[in-house]
Amino acid sequence: MAGRCEVLIYERLREERERGATLAMAIRNGYERALPTIIDTHLSSIFTAIVLYVVGNISSRASAVSLTVGLIISLFTLCHDPRPV
């Protein structure tokens, strides 16, 4: 999931640059435009993991827990440190 976040942010940034925005403006707008999509995909995946946990057996429950933890960490990292160096 985290890899897809960076790709989405990069694509939004590239679109802003193609529109003629300055680099600083493109970075700000790129992150602002990508964030709702990233949050939506993470919440949808977390919902899917919850369903998998409720319906599945012990192996799929472990996968659901692992997926949920990874998504929460990815979302936390994105919200608290959105611009990697």
PDB file of N, CA and C in Angstrom:
ATOM      1  N   MET A   1       0.799  -1.199   0.000  1.00  0.00           N
ATOM      2  CA  MET A   1       0.000   0.000   0.000  1.00  0.00           C
ATOM      3  C   MET A   1       0.846   1.269   0.000  1.00  0.00           C
ATOM      4  N   ALA A   2       1.898   1.292   0.771  1.00  0.00           N
ATOM      5  CA  ALA A   2       2.716   2.501   0.864  1.00  0.00           C
ATOM      6  C   ALA A   2       3.352   2.837  -0.468  1.00  0.00           C
ATOM      7  N   GLY A   3       3.747   1.823  -1.215  1.00  0.00           N
ATOM      8  CA  GLY A   3       4.332   2.068  -2.532  1.00  0.00           C
ATOM      9  C   GLY A   3       3.342   2.724  -3.471  1.00  0.00           C
ATOM     10  N   ARG A   4       2.110   2.310  -3.412  1.00  0.00           N
ATOM     11  CA  ARG A   4       1.097   2.914  -4.262  1.00  0.00           C
ATOM     12  C   ARG A   4       0.835   4.362  -3.873  1.00  0.00           C
ATOM     13  N   CYS A   5       0.981   4.682  -2.593  1.00  0.00           N
ATOM     14  CA  CYS A   5       0.787   6.063  -2.147  1.00  0.00           C
ATOM     15  C   CYS A   5       1.797   6.980  -2.809  1.00  0.00           C
ATOM     16  N   GLU A   6       3.041   6.565  -2.815  1.00  0.00           N
ATOM     17  CA  GLU A   6       4.075   7.389  -3.416  1.00  0.00           C
ATOM     18  C   GLU A   6       3.858   7.561  -4.913  1.00  0.00           C
ATOM     19  N   VAL A   7       3.414   6.503  -5.578  1.00  0.00           N
ATOM     20  CA  VAL A   7       3.142   6.592  -7.013  1.00  0.00           C
ATOM     21  C   VAL A   7       1.995   7.560  -7.267  1.00  0.00           C
ATOM     22  N   LEU A   8       0.959   7.472  -6.476  1.00  0.00           N
ATOM     23  CA  LEU A   8      -0.184   8.366  -6.639  1.00  0.00           C
ATOM     24  C   LEU A   8       0.217   9.822  -6.405  1.00  0.00           C
ATOM     25  N   ILE A   9       0.993  10.067  -5.374  1.00  0.00           N
ATOM     26  CA  ILE A   9       1.458  11.436  -5.100  1.00  0.00           C
ATOM     27  C   ILE A   9       2.312  11.939  -6.253  1.00  0.00           C
ATOM     28  N   TYR A  10       3.211  11.098  -6.749  1.00  0.00           N
ATOM     29  CA  TYR A  10       4.066  11.497  -7.867  1.00  0.00           C
ATOM     30  C   TYR A  10       3.244  11.830  -9.105  1.00  0.00           C
ATOM     31  N   GLU A  11       2.239  11.025  -9.407  1.00  0.00           N
ATOM     32  CA  GLU A  11       1.403  11.284 -10.575  1.00  0.00           C
ATOM     33  C   GLU A  11       0.630  12.593 -10.433  1.00  0.00           C
ATOM     34  N   ARG A  12       0.116  12.858  -9.245  1.00  0.00           N
ATOM     35  CA  ARG A  12      -0.586  14.123  -9.021  1.00  0.00           C
ATOM     36  C   ARG A  12       0.380  15.305  -9.168  1.00  0.00           C
ATOM     37  N   LEU A  13       1.597  15.129  -8.658  1.00  0.00           N
ATOM     38  CA  LEU A  13       2.611  16.176  -8.767  1.00  0.00           C
ATOM     39  C   LEU A  13       2.955  16.420 -10.239  1.00  0.00           C
ATOM     40  N   ARG A  14       3.099  15.344 -10.996  1.00  0.00           N
ATOM     41  CA  ARG A  14       3.410  15.466 -12.425  1.00  0.00           C
ATOM     42  C   ARG A  14       2.285  16.175 -13.175  1.00  0.00           C
ATOM     43  N   GLU A  15       1.037  15.870 -12.845  1.00  0.00           N
ATOM     44  CA  GLU A  15      -0.101  16.542 -13.475  1.00  0.00           C
ATOM     45  C   GLU A  15      -0.081  18.043 -13.191  1.00  0.00           C
ATOM     46  N   GLU A  16       0.251  18.395 -11.967  1.00  0.00           N
ATOM     47  CA  GLU A  16       0.316  19.813 -11.611  1.00  0.00           C
ATOM     48  C   GLU A  16       1.431  20.528 -12.379  1.00  0.00           C
ATOM     49  N   ARG A  17       2.566  19.856 -12.539  1.00  0.00           N
ATOM     50  CA  ARG A  17       3.676  20.449 -13.288  1.00  0.00           C
ATOM     51  C   ARG A  17       3.303  20.620 -14.754  1.00  0.00           C
ATOM     52  N   GLU A  18       2.557  19.671 -15.320  1.00  0.00           N
ATOM     53  CA  GLU A  18       2.125  19.781 -16.715  1.00  0.00           C
ATOM     54  C   GLU A  18       1.157  20.936 -16.905  1.00  0.00           C
ATOM     55  N   ARG A  19       0.429  21.286 -15.875  1.00  0.00           N
ATOM     56  CA  ARG A  19      -0.490  22.424 -15.943  1.00  0.00           C
ATOM     57  C   ARG A  19       0.239  23.756 -15.834  1.00  0.00           C
ATOM     58  N   GLY A  20       1.524  23.713 -15.536  1.00  0.00           N
ATOM     59  CA  GLY A  20       2.322  24.928 -15.487  1.00  0.00           C
ATOM     60  C   GLY A  20       2.528  25.496 -14.093  1.00  0.00           C
ATOM     61  N   ALA A  21       2.225  24.741 -13.065  1.00  0.00           N
ATOM     62  CA  ALA A  21       2.406  25.222 -11.695  1.00  0.00           C
ATOM     63  C   ALA A  21       3.895  25.221 -11.338  1.00  0.00           C
ATOM     64  N   THR A  22       4.279  26.118 -10.452  1.00  0.00           N
ATOM     65  CA  THR A  22       5.649  26.123  -9.961  1.00  0.00           C
ATOM     66  C   THR A  22       5.883  24.853  -9.149  1.00  0.00           C
ATOM     67  N   LEU A  23       7.140  24.539  -8.877  1.00  0.00           N
ATOM     68  CA  LEU A  23       7.447  23.309  -8.157  1.00  0.00           C
ATOM     69  C   LEU A  23       6.821  23.293  -6.763  1.00  0.00           C
ATOM     70  N   ALA A  24       6.944  24.405  -6.044  1.00  0.00           N
ATOM     71  CA  ALA A  24       6.375  24.464  -4.690  1.00  0.00           C
ATOM     72  C   ALA A  24       4.854  24.314  -4.727  1.00  0.00           C
ATOM     73  N   MET A  25       4.208  24.975  -5.673  1.00  0.00           N
ATOM     74  CA  MET A  25       2.750  24.890  -5.800  1.00  0.00           C
ATOM     75  C   MET A  25       2.335  23.478  -6.236  1.00  0.00           C
ATOM     76  N   ALA A  26       3.116  22.867  -7.127  1.00  0.00           N
ATOM     77  CA  ALA A  26       2.797  21.524  -7.598  1.00  0.00           C
ATOM     78  C   ALA A  26       2.906  20.513  -6.461  1.00  0.00           C
ATOM     79  N   ILE A  27       3.918  20.666  -5.611  1.00  0.00           N
ATOM     80  CA  ILE A  27       4.066  19.755  -4.471  1.00  0.00           C
ATOM     81  C   ILE A  27       2.890  19.898  -3.523  1.00  0.00           C
ATOM     82  N   ARG A  28       2.538  21.132  -3.200  1.00  0.00           N
ATOM     83  CA  ARG A  28       1.416  21.352  -2.268  1.00  0.00           C
ATOM     84  C   ARG A  28       0.108  20.820  -2.845  1.00  0.00           C
ATOM     85  N   ASN A  29      -0.180  21.170  -4.095  1.00  0.00           N
ATOM     86  CA  ASN A  29      -1.425  20.711  -4.712  1.00  0.00           C
ATOM     87  C   ASN A  29      -1.431  19.207  -4.951  1.00  0.00           C
ATOM     88  N   GLY A  30      -0.271  18.649  -5.283  1.00  0.00           N
ATOM     89  CA  GLY A  30      -0.190  17.210  -5.510  1.00  0.00           C
ATOM     90  C   GLY A  30      -0.532  16.421  -4.268  1.00  0.00           C
ATOM     91  N   TYR A  31       0.018  16.853  -3.129  1.00  0.00           N
ATOM     92  CA  TYR A  31      -0.298  16.169  -1.868  1.00  0.00           C
ATOM     93  C   TYR A  31      -1.755  16.372  -1.479  1.00  0.00           C
ATOM     94  N   GLU A  32      -2.271  17.583  -1.669  1.00  0.00           N
ATOM     95  CA  GLU A  32      -3.662  17.850  -1.313  1.00  0.00           C
ATOM     96  C   GLU A  32      -4.626  17.034  -2.165  1.00  0.00           C
ATOM     97  N   ARG A  33      -4.308  16.860  -3.445  1.00  0.00           N
ATOM     98  CA  ARG A  33      -5.187  16.102  -4.332  1.00  0.00           C
ATOM     99  C   ARG A  33      -5.071  14.606  -4.117  1.00  0.00           C
ATOM    100  N   ALA A  34      -3.916  14.128  -3.663  1.00  0.00           N
ATOM    101  CA  ALA A  34      -3.716  12.689  -3.496  1.00  0.00           C
ATOM    102  C   ALA A  34      -4.238  12.180  -2.152  1.00  0.00           C
ATOM    103  N   LEU A  35      -4.210  13.011  -1.133  1.00  0.00           N
ATOM    104  CA  LEU A  35      -4.547  12.557   0.217  1.00  0.00           C
ATOM    105  C   LEU A  35      -5.956  11.961   0.346  1.00  0.00           C
ATOM    106  N   PRO A  36      -7.013  12.571  -0.184  1.00  0.00           N
ATOM    107  CA  PRO A  36      -8.343  11.947  -0.047  1.00  0.00           C
ATOM    108  C   PRO A  36      -8.422  10.568  -0.707  1.00  0.00           C
ATOM    109  N   THR A  37      -7.775  10.409  -1.843  1.00  0.00           N
ATOM    110  CA  THR A  37      -7.780   9.120  -2.527  1.00  0.00           C
ATOM    111  C   THR A  37      -7.044   8.068  -1.709  1.00  0.00           C
ATOM    112  N   ILE A  38      -5.912   8.449  -1.132  1.00  0.00           N
ATOM    113  CA  ILE A  38      -5.128   7.517  -0.327  1.00  0.00           C
ATOM    114  C   ILE A  38      -5.900   7.099   0.915  1.00  0.00           C
ATOM    115  N   ILE A  39      -6.529   8.043   1.577  1.00  0.00           N
ATOM    116  CA  ILE A  39      -7.321   7.717   2.772  1.00  0.00           C
ATOM    117  C   ILE A  39      -8.479   6.795   2.406  1.00  0.00           C
ATOM    118  N   ASP A  40      -9.141   7.067   1.280  1.00  0.00           N
ATOM    119  CA  ASP A  40     -10.251   6.234   0.838  1.00  0.00           C
ATOM    120  C   ASP A  40      -9.807   4.800   0.565  1.00  0.00           C
ATOM    121  N   THR A  41      -8.685   4.635  -0.120  1.00  0.00           N
ATOM    122  CA  THR A  41      -8.221   3.279  -0.422  1.00  0.00           C
ATOM    123  C   THR A  41      -7.802   2.535   0.845  1.00  0.00           C
ATOM    124  N   HIS A  42      -7.172   3.243   1.781  1.00  0.00           N
ATOM    125  CA  HIS A  42      -6.762   2.600   3.026  1.00  0.00           C
ATOM    126  C   HIS A  42      -7.984   2.180   3.851  1.00  0.00           C
ATOM    127  N   LEU A  43      -8.971   3.042   3.949  1.00  0.00           N
ATOM    128  CA  LEU A  43     -10.169   2.699   4.721  1.00  0.00           C
ATOM    129  C   LEU A  43     -10.942   1.553   4.072  1.00  0.00           C
ATOM    130  N   SER A  44     -10.989   1.524   2.740  1.00  0.00           N
ATOM    131  CA  SER A  44     -11.650   0.414   2.047  1.00  0.00           C
ATOM    132  C   SER A  44     -10.923  -0.896   2.309  1.00  0.00           C
ATOM    133  N   SER A  45      -9.602  -0.861   2.290  1.00  0.00           N
ATOM    134  CA  SER A  45      -8.823  -2.074   2.560  1.00  0.00           C
ATOM    135  C   SER A  45      -8.969  -2.520   4.009  1.00  0.00           C
ATOM    136  N   ILE A  46      -9.028  -1.572   4.932  1.00  0.00           N
ATOM    137  CA  ILE A  46      -9.237  -1.926   6.339  1.00  0.00           C
ATOM    138  C   ILE A  46     -10.615  -2.561   6.532  1.00  0.00           C
ATOM    139  N   PHE A  47     -11.613  -2.026   5.859  1.00  0.00           N
ATOM    140  CA  PHE A  47     -12.948  -2.620   5.929  1.00  0.00           C
ATOM    141  C   PHE A  47     -12.929  -4.045   5.387  1.00  0.00           C
ATOM    142  N   THR A  48     -12.236  -4.261   4.285  1.00  0.00           N
ATOM    143  CA  THR A  48     -12.113  -5.597   3.717  1.00  0.00           C
ATOM    144  C   THR A  48     -11.400  -6.540   4.688  1.00  0.00           C
ATOM    145  N   ALA A  49     -10.376  -6.049   5.363  1.00  0.00           N
ATOM    146  CA  ALA A  49      -9.650  -6.868   6.339  1.00  0.00           C
ATOM    147  C   ALA A  49     -10.551  -7.235   7.516  1.00  0.00           C
ATOM    148  N   ILE A  50     -11.418  -6.323   7.924  1.00  0.00           N
ATOM    149  CA  ILE A  50     -12.346  -6.622   9.022  1.00  0.00           C
ATOM    150  C   ILE A  50     -13.313  -7.725   8.608  1.00  0.00           C
ATOM    151  N   VAL A  51     -13.824  -7.635   7.389  1.00  0.00           N
ATOM    152  CA  VAL A  51     -14.718  -8.689   6.889  1.00  0.00           C
ATOM    153  C   VAL A  51     -13.970 -10.014   6.815  1.00  0.00           C
ATOM    154  N   LEU A  52     -12.738  -9.997   6.341  1.00  0.00           N
ATOM    155  CA  LEU A  52     -11.924 -11.210   6.267  1.00  0.00           C
ATOM    156  C   LEU A  52     -11.699 -11.798   7.655  1.00  0.00           C
ATOM    157  N   TYR A  53     -11.485 -10.943   8.632  1.00  0.00           N
ATOM    158  CA  TYR A  53     -11.289 -11.410  10.005  1.00  0.00           C
ATOM    159  C   TYR A  53     -12.547 -12.075  10.559  1.00  0.00           C
ATOM    160  N   VAL A  54     -13.699 -11.464  10.309  1.00  0.00           N
ATOM    161  CA  VAL A  54     -14.961 -11.981  10.842  1.00  0.00           C
ATOM    162  C   VAL A  54     -15.354 -13.296  10.167  1.00  0.00           C
ATOM    163  N   VAL A  55     -15.162 -13.389   8.868  1.00  0.00           N
ATOM    164  CA  VAL A  55     -15.633 -14.539   8.105  1.00  0.00           C
ATOM    165  C   VAL A  55     -14.595 -15.664   8.036  1.00  0.00           C
ATOM    166  N   GLY A  56     -13.321 -15.330   8.085  1.00  0.00           N
ATOM    167  CA  GLY A  56     -12.271 -16.293   7.792  1.00  0.00           C
ATOM    168  C   GLY A  56     -11.890 -17.219   8.920  1.00  0.00           C
ATOM    169  N   ASN A  57     -10.978 -18.148   8.570  1.00  0.00           N
ATOM    170  CA  ASN A  57     -10.440 -19.077   9.550  1.00  0.00           C
ATOM    171  C   ASN A  57      -9.210 -18.443  10.215  1.00  0.00           C
ATOM    172  N   ILE A  58      -8.454 -19.229  10.977  1.00  0.00           N
ATOM    173  CA  ILE A  58      -7.346 -18.679  11.758  1.00  0.00           C
ATOM    174  C   ILE A  58      -6.253 -18.102  10.856  1.00  0.00           C
ATOM    175  N   SER A  59      -5.985 -18.728   9.720  1.00  0.00           N
ATOM    176  CA  SER A  59      -4.949 -18.222   8.814  1.00  0.00           C
ATOM    177  C   SER A  59      -5.359 -16.901   8.178  1.00  0.00           C
ATOM    178  N   SER A  60      -6.591 -16.822   7.732  1.00  0.00           N
ATOM    179  CA  SER A  60      -7.029 -15.578   7.107  1.00  0.00           C
ATOM    180  C   SER A  60      -7.203 -14.470   8.149  1.00  0.00           C
ATOM    181  N   ARG A  61      -7.496 -14.833   9.394  1.00  0.00           N
ATOM    182  CA  ARG A  61      -7.573 -13.828  10.459  1.00  0.00           C
ATOM    183  C   ARG A  61      -6.202 -13.215  10.726  1.00  0.00           C
ATOM    184  N   ALA A  62      -5.184 -14.049  10.707  1.00  0.00           N
ATOM    185  CA  ALA A  62      -3.823 -13.537  10.897  1.00  0.00           C
ATOM    186  C   ALA A  62      -3.438 -12.603   9.750  1.00  0.00           C
ATOM    187  N   SER A  63      -3.819 -12.956   8.544  1.00  0.00           N
ATOM    188  CA  SER A  63      -3.551 -12.089   7.393  1.00  0.00           C
ATOM    189  C   SER A  63      -4.310 -10.768   7.514  1.00  0.00           C
ATOM    190  N   ALA A  64      -5.531 -10.842   7.989  1.00  0.00           N
ATOM    191  CA  ALA A  64      -6.337  -9.635   8.143  1.00  0.00           C
ATOM    192  C   ALA A  64      -5.731  -8.701   9.193  1.00  0.00           C
ATOM    193  N   VAL A  65      -5.264  -9.269  10.290  1.00  0.00           N
ATOM    194  CA  VAL A  65      -4.626  -8.451  11.328  1.00  0.00           C
ATOM    195  C   VAL A  65      -3.353  -7.813  10.786  1.00  0.00           C
ATOM    196  N   SER A  66      -2.559  -8.598  10.082  1.00  0.00           N
ATOM    197  CA  SER A  66      -1.314  -8.089   9.507  1.00  0.00           C
ATOM    198  C   SER A  66      -1.593  -6.978   8.500  1.00  0.00           C
ATOM    199  N   LEU A  67      -2.573  -7.162   7.652  1.00  0.00           N
ATOM    200  CA  LEU A  67      -2.947  -6.151   6.674  1.00  0.00           C
ATOM    201  C   LEU A  67      -3.402  -4.870   7.359  1.00  0.00           C
ATOM    202  N   THR A  68      -4.236  -4.992   8.377  1.00  0.00           N
ATOM    203  CA  THR A  68      -4.750  -3.824   9.083  1.00  0.00           C
ATOM    204  C   THR A  68      -3.634  -3.057   9.775  1.00  0.00           C
ATOM    205  N   VAL A  69      -2.734  -3.766  10.429  1.00  0.00           N
ATOM    206  CA  VAL A  69      -1.615  -3.096  11.097  1.00  0.00           C
ATOM    207  C   VAL A  69      -0.749  -2.357  10.083  1.00  0.00           C
ATOM    208  N   GLY A  70      -0.449  -3.000   8.970  1.00  0.00           N
ATOM    209  CA  GLY A  70       0.349  -2.356   7.926  1.00  0.00           C
ATOM    210  C   GLY A  70      -0.312  -1.125   7.358  1.00  0.00           C
ATOM    211  N   LEU A  71      -1.611  -1.190   7.135  1.00  0.00           N
ATOM    212  CA  LEU A  71      -2.340  -0.042   6.598  1.00  0.00           C
ATOM    213  C   LEU A  71      -2.380   1.113   7.588  1.00  0.00           C
ATOM    214  N   ILE A  72      -2.592   0.805   8.846  1.00  0.00           N
ATOM    215  CA  ILE A  72      -2.638   1.855   9.863  1.00  0.00           C
ATOM    216  C   ILE A  72      -1.278   2.531  10.001  1.00  0.00           C
ATOM    217  N   ILE A  73      -0.217   1.743   9.988  1.00  0.00           N
ATOM    218  CA  ILE A  73       1.128   2.321  10.077  1.00  0.00           C
ATOM    219  C   ILE A  73       1.422   3.173   8.850  1.00  0.00           C
ATOM    220  N   SER A  74       1.045   2.693   7.683  1.00  0.00           N
ATOM    221  CA  SER A  74       1.265   3.448   6.454  1.00  0.00           C
ATOM    222  C   SER A  74       0.503   4.773   6.477  1.00  0.00           C
ATOM    223  N   LEU A  75      -0.741   4.733   6.913  1.00  0.00           N
ATOM    224  CA  LEU A  75      -1.553   5.942   6.982  1.00  0.00           C
ATOM    225  C   LEU A  75      -1.018   6.906   8.028  1.00  0.00           C
ATOM    226  N   PHE A  76      -0.589   6.383   9.173  1.00  0.00           N
ATOM    227  CA  PHE A  76      -0.002   7.208  10.219  1.00  0.00           C
ATOM    228  C   PHE A  76       1.264   7.905   9.717  1.00  0.00           C
ATOM    229  N   THR A  77       2.116   7.151   9.044  1.00  0.00           N
ATOM    230  CA  THR A  77       3.352   7.714   8.511  1.00  0.00           C
ATOM    231  C   THR A  77       3.064   8.777   7.465  1.00  0.00           C
ATOM    232  N   LEU A  78       2.091   8.530   6.620  1.00  0.00           N
ATOM    233  CA  LEU A  78       1.740   9.492   5.585  1.00  0.00           C
ATOM    234  C   LEU A  78       1.211  10.789   6.188  1.00  0.00           C
ATOM    235  N   CYS A  79       0.406  10.688   7.233  1.00  0.00           N
ATOM    236  CA  CYS A  79      -0.190  11.886   7.831  1.00  0.00           C
ATOM    237  C   CYS A  79       0.807  12.673   8.677  1.00  0.00           C
ATOM    238  N   HIS A  80       1.772  11.996   9.298  1.00  0.00           N
ATOM    239  CA  HIS A  80       2.698  12.698  10.179  1.00  0.00           C
ATOM    240  C   HIS A  80       4.011  13.073   9.520  1.00  0.00           C
ATOM    241  N   ASP A  81       4.366  12.416   8.438  1.00  0.00           N
ATOM    242  CA  ASP A  81       5.590  12.732   7.712  1.00  0.00           C
ATOM    243  C   ASP A  81       5.329  12.584   6.228  1.00  0.00           C
ATOM    244  N   PRO A  82       4.524  13.475   5.663  1.00  0.00           N
ATOM    245  CA  PRO A  82       4.044  13.256   4.298  1.00  0.00           C
ATOM    246  C   PRO A  82       5.077  13.444   3.198  1.00  0.00           C
ATOM    247  N   ARG A  83       6.124  14.203   3.458  1.00  0.00           N
ATOM    248  CA  ARG A  83       7.074  14.484   2.387  1.00  0.00           C
ATOM    249  C   ARG A  83       8.401  13.806   2.672  1.00  0.00           C
ATOM    250  N   PRO A  84       8.658  12.653   2.017  1.00  0.00           N
ATOM    251  CA  PRO A  84       9.929  11.961   2.264  1.00  0.00           C
ATOM    252  C   PRO A  84      11.105  12.774   1.740  1.00  0.00           C
ATOM    253  N   VAL A  85      12.239  12.597   2.365  1.00  0.00           N
ATOM    254  CA  VAL A  85      13.437  13.336   1.961  1.00  0.00           C
ATOM    255  C   VAL A  85      14.139  12.603   0.849  1.00  0.00           C
TER     256      VAL A  85
END
